Amino acid sequence: MLRTLDLRGQSLSPAELLAAVPRATAARSEALATAARLVDDVASRGEAALREQAEQFDGVTGHDIRVPASHLDEALEQLDPAVRAALEQAIDRVRAAS
């Protein structure tokens, strides 16, 4: 069950705030394990797994998986040049390490 914490009007230090707001380590571990299973399923079964997950979690069926090239081109044109350079550098580093 979720608890509501009303911290309005309080001036808490970072340590006091961390003490007041508990971290759900068990729930976090379970969420990470579930996410890993979903990713593994997509890695092994591909598009079929993606479609099943889209239906299960979003109620979506019969949609296109592939983003149209025109949408990708438009997004690339709108991307901040500094962000694009950082992404390209990250991609280059991953490729070099692979």
N, C-alpha and C. Protein backbone atom coordinates (compact mmCIF):
# COMPACT_ATOMS: atom_id res chain seq x y z
N MET A 1 0.84 -1.18 0.00
CA MET A 1 0.00 0.00 0.00
C MET A 1 0.88 1.24 0.00
N LEU A 2 0.48 2.23 -0.77
CA LEU A 2 1.22 3.48 -0.85
C LEU A 2 0.86 4.39 0.31
N ARG A 3 1.86 5.07 0.79
CA ARG A 3 1.69 6.04 1.85
C ARG A 3 1.84 7.43 1.28
N THR A 4 1.11 8.38 1.82
CA THR A 4 1.25 9.77 1.41
C THR A 4 2.04 10.51 2.47
N LEU A 5 3.10 11.17 2.05
CA LEU A 5 3.90 11.98 2.96
C LEU A 5 3.66 13.44 2.62
N ASP A 6 3.23 14.20 3.59
CA ASP A 6 3.01 15.63 3.37
C ASP A 6 4.19 16.37 3.97
N LEU A 7 5.08 16.83 3.12
CA LEU A 7 6.28 17.53 3.58
C LEU A 7 6.19 19.03 3.30
N ARG A 8 4.99 19.49 2.95
CA ARG A 8 4.83 20.92 2.69
C ARG A 8 5.15 21.73 3.93
N GLY A 9 5.84 22.84 3.72
CA GLY A 9 6.16 23.74 4.81
C GLY A 9 7.35 23.31 5.65
N GLN A 10 7.96 22.19 5.32
CA GLN A 10 9.11 21.72 6.09
C GLN A 10 10.39 22.04 5.34
N SER A 11 11.39 22.45 6.08
CA SER A 11 12.71 22.69 5.50
C SER A 11 13.61 21.55 5.93
N LEU A 12 13.71 20.55 5.08
CA LEU A 12 14.49 19.36 5.42
C LEU A 12 15.86 19.41 4.77
N SER A 13 16.83 18.95 5.50
CA SER A 13 18.17 18.79 4.92
C SER A 13 18.12 17.57 4.00
N PRO A 14 19.10 17.43 3.12
CA PRO A 14 19.11 16.24 2.26
C PRO A 14 19.07 14.94 3.06
N ALA A 15 19.77 14.89 4.17
CA ALA A 15 19.77 13.67 5.00
C ALA A 15 18.40 13.42 5.60
N GLU A 16 17.75 14.48 6.07
CA GLU A 16 16.40 14.34 6.65
C GLU A 16 15.40 13.90 5.58
N LEU A 17 15.54 14.45 4.38
CA LEU A 17 14.64 14.07 3.29
C LEU A 17 14.82 12.59 2.94
N LEU A 18 16.06 12.14 2.85
CA LEU A 18 16.31 10.72 2.57
C LEU A 18 15.73 9.82 3.66
N ALA A 19 15.82 10.27 4.91
CA ALA A 19 15.27 9.48 6.02
C ALA A 19 13.75 9.46 5.98
N ALA A 20 13.13 10.56 5.53
CA ALA A 20 11.67 10.66 5.51
C ALA A 20 11.06 9.90 4.34
N VAL A 21 11.79 9.78 3.25
CA VAL A 21 11.26 9.13 2.05
C VAL A 21 11.97 7.79 1.88
N PRO A 22 11.31 6.72 2.27
CA PRO A 22 11.95 5.40 2.20
C PRO A 22 12.16 4.96 0.76
N ARG A 23 13.19 4.20 0.54
CA ARG A 23 13.47 3.63 -0.77
C ARG A 23 13.02 2.17 -0.78
N ALA A 24 12.32 1.81 -1.81
CA ALA A 24 11.79 0.45 -1.92
C ALA A 24 12.80 -0.44 -2.63
N THR A 25 13.75 -0.97 -1.89
CA THR A 25 14.79 -1.78 -2.52
C THR A 25 14.24 -3.08 -3.08
N ALA A 26 13.32 -3.70 -2.38
CA ALA A 26 12.75 -4.96 -2.88
C ALA A 26 11.96 -4.71 -4.15
N ALA A 27 11.15 -3.66 -4.17
CA ALA A 27 10.36 -3.35 -5.36
C ALA A 27 11.28 -2.97 -6.52
N ARG A 28 12.36 -2.28 -6.23
CA ARG A 28 13.32 -1.89 -7.27
C ARG A 28 13.96 -3.14 -7.87
N SER A 29 14.37 -4.06 -7.03
CA SER A 29 14.99 -5.29 -7.52
C SER A 29 14.02 -6.08 -8.39
N GLU A 30 12.78 -6.15 -7.96
CA GLU A 30 11.77 -6.86 -8.74
C GLU A 30 11.53 -6.17 -10.08
N ALA A 31 11.48 -4.84 -10.07
CA ALA A 31 11.27 -4.10 -11.32
C ALA A 31 12.43 -4.32 -12.29
N LEU A 32 13.65 -4.31 -11.77
CA LEU A 32 14.82 -4.54 -12.63
C LEU A 32 14.81 -5.95 -13.20
N ALA A 33 14.43 -6.93 -12.39
CA ALA A 33 14.36 -8.31 -12.87
C ALA A 33 13.29 -8.46 -13.94
N THR A 34 12.15 -7.82 -13.75
CA THR A 34 11.07 -7.87 -14.74
C THR A 34 11.51 -7.22 -16.04
N ALA A 35 12.15 -6.06 -15.94
CA ALA A 35 12.64 -5.37 -17.14
C ALA A 35 13.65 -6.24 -17.88
N ALA A 36 14.53 -6.89 -17.14
CA ALA A 36 15.54 -7.75 -17.77
C ALA A 36 14.87 -8.90 -18.52
N ARG A 37 13.82 -9.48 -17.93
CA ARG A 37 13.10 -10.57 -18.61
C ARG A 37 12.46 -10.07 -19.91
N LEU A 38 11.88 -8.87 -19.87
CA LEU A 38 11.25 -8.31 -21.07
C LEU A 38 12.29 -8.06 -22.16
N VAL A 39 13.42 -7.49 -21.79
CA VAL A 39 14.48 -7.23 -22.76
C VAL A 39 15.01 -8.54 -23.34
N ASP A 40 15.22 -9.52 -22.49
CA ASP A 40 15.70 -10.83 -22.96
C ASP A 40 14.70 -11.46 -23.92
N ASP A 41 13.41 -11.31 -23.62
CA ASP A 41 12.38 -11.87 -24.49
C ASP A 41 12.45 -11.23 -25.87
N VAL A 42 12.60 -9.90 -25.91
CA VAL A 42 12.71 -9.21 -27.20
C VAL A 42 14.00 -9.62 -27.91
N ALA A 43 15.08 -9.76 -27.17
CA ALA A 43 16.35 -10.17 -27.78
C ALA A 43 16.24 -11.55 -28.42
N SER A 44 15.49 -12.43 -27.80
CA SER A 44 15.41 -13.80 -28.33
C SER A 44 14.28 -13.98 -29.35
N ARG A 45 13.16 -13.27 -29.17
CA ARG A 45 12.01 -13.50 -30.06
C ARG A 45 11.70 -12.34 -30.98
N GLY A 46 12.37 -11.22 -30.80
CA GLY A 46 12.23 -10.09 -31.71
C GLY A 46 10.86 -9.45 -31.73
N GLU A 47 10.40 -9.17 -32.95
CA GLU A 47 9.17 -8.41 -33.15
C GLU A 47 7.95 -9.07 -32.50
N ALA A 48 7.89 -10.38 -32.49
CA ALA A 48 6.74 -11.06 -31.88
C ALA A 48 6.63 -10.69 -30.40
N ALA A 49 7.77 -10.64 -29.71
CA ALA A 49 7.77 -10.26 -28.30
C ALA A 49 7.37 -8.80 -28.14
N LEU A 50 7.87 -7.93 -29.02
CA LEU A 50 7.50 -6.51 -28.96
C LEU A 50 6.00 -6.32 -29.11
N ARG A 51 5.43 -7.03 -30.07
CA ARG A 51 3.99 -6.90 -30.30
C ARG A 51 3.19 -7.40 -29.10
N GLU A 52 3.61 -8.53 -28.53
CA GLU A 52 2.92 -9.05 -27.35
C GLU A 52 3.00 -8.07 -26.18
N GLN A 53 4.17 -7.48 -25.98
CA GLN A 53 4.34 -6.54 -24.88
C GLN A 53 3.54 -5.26 -25.11
N ALA A 54 3.47 -4.80 -26.35
CA ALA A 54 2.68 -3.61 -26.66
C ALA A 54 1.21 -3.86 -26.35
N GLU A 55 0.74 -5.05 -26.68
CA GLU A 55 -0.65 -5.38 -26.38
C GLU A 55 -0.86 -5.53 -24.88
N GLN A 56 0.05 -6.22 -24.21
CA GLN A 56 -0.09 -6.47 -22.78
C GLN A 56 -0.05 -5.18 -21.96
N PHE A 57 0.91 -4.31 -22.25
CA PHE A 57 1.11 -3.14 -21.40
C PHE A 57 0.38 -1.89 -21.88
N ASP A 58 0.17 -1.77 -23.21
CA ASP A 58 -0.42 -0.56 -23.75
C ASP A 58 -1.77 -0.77 -24.41
N GLY A 59 -2.18 -2.04 -24.56
CA GLY A 59 -3.44 -2.31 -25.22
C GLY A 59 -3.41 -1.99 -26.71
N VAL A 60 -2.22 -2.01 -27.31
CA VAL A 60 -2.04 -1.64 -28.71
C VAL A 60 -1.84 -2.90 -29.54
N THR A 61 -2.58 -2.98 -30.65
CA THR A 61 -2.40 -4.11 -31.56
C THR A 61 -2.35 -3.60 -33.00
N GLY A 62 -1.69 -4.37 -33.86
CA GLY A 62 -1.71 -4.07 -35.29
C GLY A 62 -1.03 -2.79 -35.70
N HIS A 63 -0.11 -2.30 -34.93
CA HIS A 63 0.57 -1.04 -35.26
C HIS A 63 1.90 -1.32 -35.97
N ASP A 64 2.41 -0.29 -36.63
CA ASP A 64 3.72 -0.40 -37.27
C ASP A 64 4.81 -0.31 -36.21
N ILE A 65 5.76 -1.21 -36.27
CA ILE A 65 6.89 -1.19 -35.35
C ILE A 65 7.94 -0.19 -35.84
N ARG A 66 8.18 -0.17 -37.12
CA ARG A 66 9.22 0.68 -37.69
C ARG A 66 8.75 2.13 -37.76
N VAL A 67 9.63 3.03 -37.32
CA VAL A 67 9.36 4.47 -37.41
C VAL A 67 9.65 4.89 -38.85
N PRO A 68 8.72 5.63 -39.48
CA PRO A 68 8.96 6.05 -40.86
C PRO A 68 10.24 6.88 -40.98
N ALA A 69 10.96 6.69 -42.08
CA ALA A 69 12.23 7.41 -42.30
C ALA A 69 12.03 8.92 -42.25
N SER A 70 10.89 9.40 -42.73
CA SER A 70 10.64 10.85 -42.71
C SER A 70 10.60 11.38 -41.29
N HIS A 71 10.07 10.59 -40.35
CA HIS A 71 10.04 11.02 -38.95
C HIS A 71 11.45 11.06 -38.37
N LEU A 72 12.26 10.08 -38.73
CA LEU A 72 13.65 10.06 -38.26
C LEU A 72 14.43 11.24 -38.81
N ASP A 73 14.24 11.54 -40.10
CA ASP A 73 14.93 12.68 -40.72
C ASP A 73 14.53 13.99 -40.05
N GLU A 74 13.24 14.14 -39.78
CA GLU A 74 12.74 15.35 -39.13
C GLU A 74 13.32 15.50 -37.72
N ALA A 75 13.35 14.41 -36.99
CA ALA A 75 13.90 14.45 -35.63
C ALA A 75 15.38 14.80 -35.66
N LEU A 76 16.10 14.26 -36.63
CA LEU A 76 17.53 14.55 -36.74
C LEU A 76 17.77 16.02 -37.06
N GLU A 77 16.93 16.60 -37.91
CA GLU A 77 17.06 18.02 -38.25
C GLU A 77 16.82 18.91 -37.03
N GLN A 78 15.95 18.48 -36.13
CA GLN A 78 15.60 19.29 -34.96
C GLN A 78 16.53 19.05 -33.78
N LEU A 79 17.41 18.08 -33.88
CA LEU A 79 18.30 17.74 -32.79
C LEU A 79 19.37 18.81 -32.62
N ASP A 80 19.58 19.22 -31.38
CA ASP A 80 20.63 20.18 -31.06
C ASP A 80 21.97 19.64 -31.54
N PRO A 81 22.76 20.45 -32.26
CA PRO A 81 24.04 19.96 -32.79
C PRO A 81 24.98 19.42 -31.71
N ALA A 82 24.98 20.01 -30.54
CA ALA A 82 25.84 19.52 -29.46
C ALA A 82 25.39 18.15 -28.98
N VAL A 83 24.09 17.93 -28.93
CA VAL A 83 23.55 16.63 -28.52
C VAL A 83 23.89 15.59 -29.59
N ARG A 84 23.74 15.98 -30.84
CA ARG A 84 24.06 15.04 -31.93
C ARG A 84 25.54 14.65 -31.88
N ALA A 85 26.41 15.62 -31.67
CA ALA A 85 27.84 15.33 -31.59
C ALA A 85 28.14 14.39 -30.43
N ALA A 86 27.49 14.62 -29.29
CA ALA A 86 27.70 13.75 -28.13
C ALA A 86 27.21 12.34 -28.41
N LEU A 87 26.06 12.22 -29.05
CA LEU A 87 25.53 10.89 -29.39
C LEU A 87 26.44 10.17 -30.38
N GLU A 88 26.93 10.90 -31.38
CA GLU A 88 27.82 10.28 -32.36
C GLU A 88 29.12 9.82 -31.70
N GLN A 89 29.62 10.62 -30.76
CA GLN A 89 30.83 10.23 -30.04
C GLN A 89 30.58 8.97 -29.21
N ALA A 90 29.43 8.91 -28.55
CA ALA A 90 29.08 7.73 -27.75
C ALA A 90 28.97 6.49 -28.63
N ILE A 91 28.35 6.65 -29.79
CA ILE A 91 28.22 5.53 -30.73
C ILE A 91 29.59 5.06 -31.18
N ASP A 92 30.46 6.01 -31.52
CA ASP A 92 31.82 5.65 -31.94
C ASP A 92 32.56 4.89 -30.85
N ARG A 93 32.39 5.31 -29.61
CA ARG A 93 33.07 4.64 -28.49
C ARG A 93 32.56 3.21 -28.30
N VAL A 94 31.25 3.04 -28.42
CA VAL A 94 30.68 1.69 -28.28
C VAL A 94 31.18 0.79 -29.40
N ARG A 95 31.20 1.32 -30.62
CA ARG A 95 31.69 0.53 -31.75
C ARG A 95 33.16 0.16 -31.58
N ALA A 96 33.94 1.09 -31.07
CA ALA A 96 35.37 0.83 -30.87
C ALA A 96 35.59 -0.23 -29.80
N ALA A 97 34.71 -0.27 -28.81
CA ALA A 97 34.86 -1.22 -27.70
C ALA A 97 34.27 -2.59 -28.04
N SER A 98 33.49 -2.66 -29.10
CA SER A 98 32.82 -3.93 -29.45
C SER A 98 33.69 -4.82 -30.29
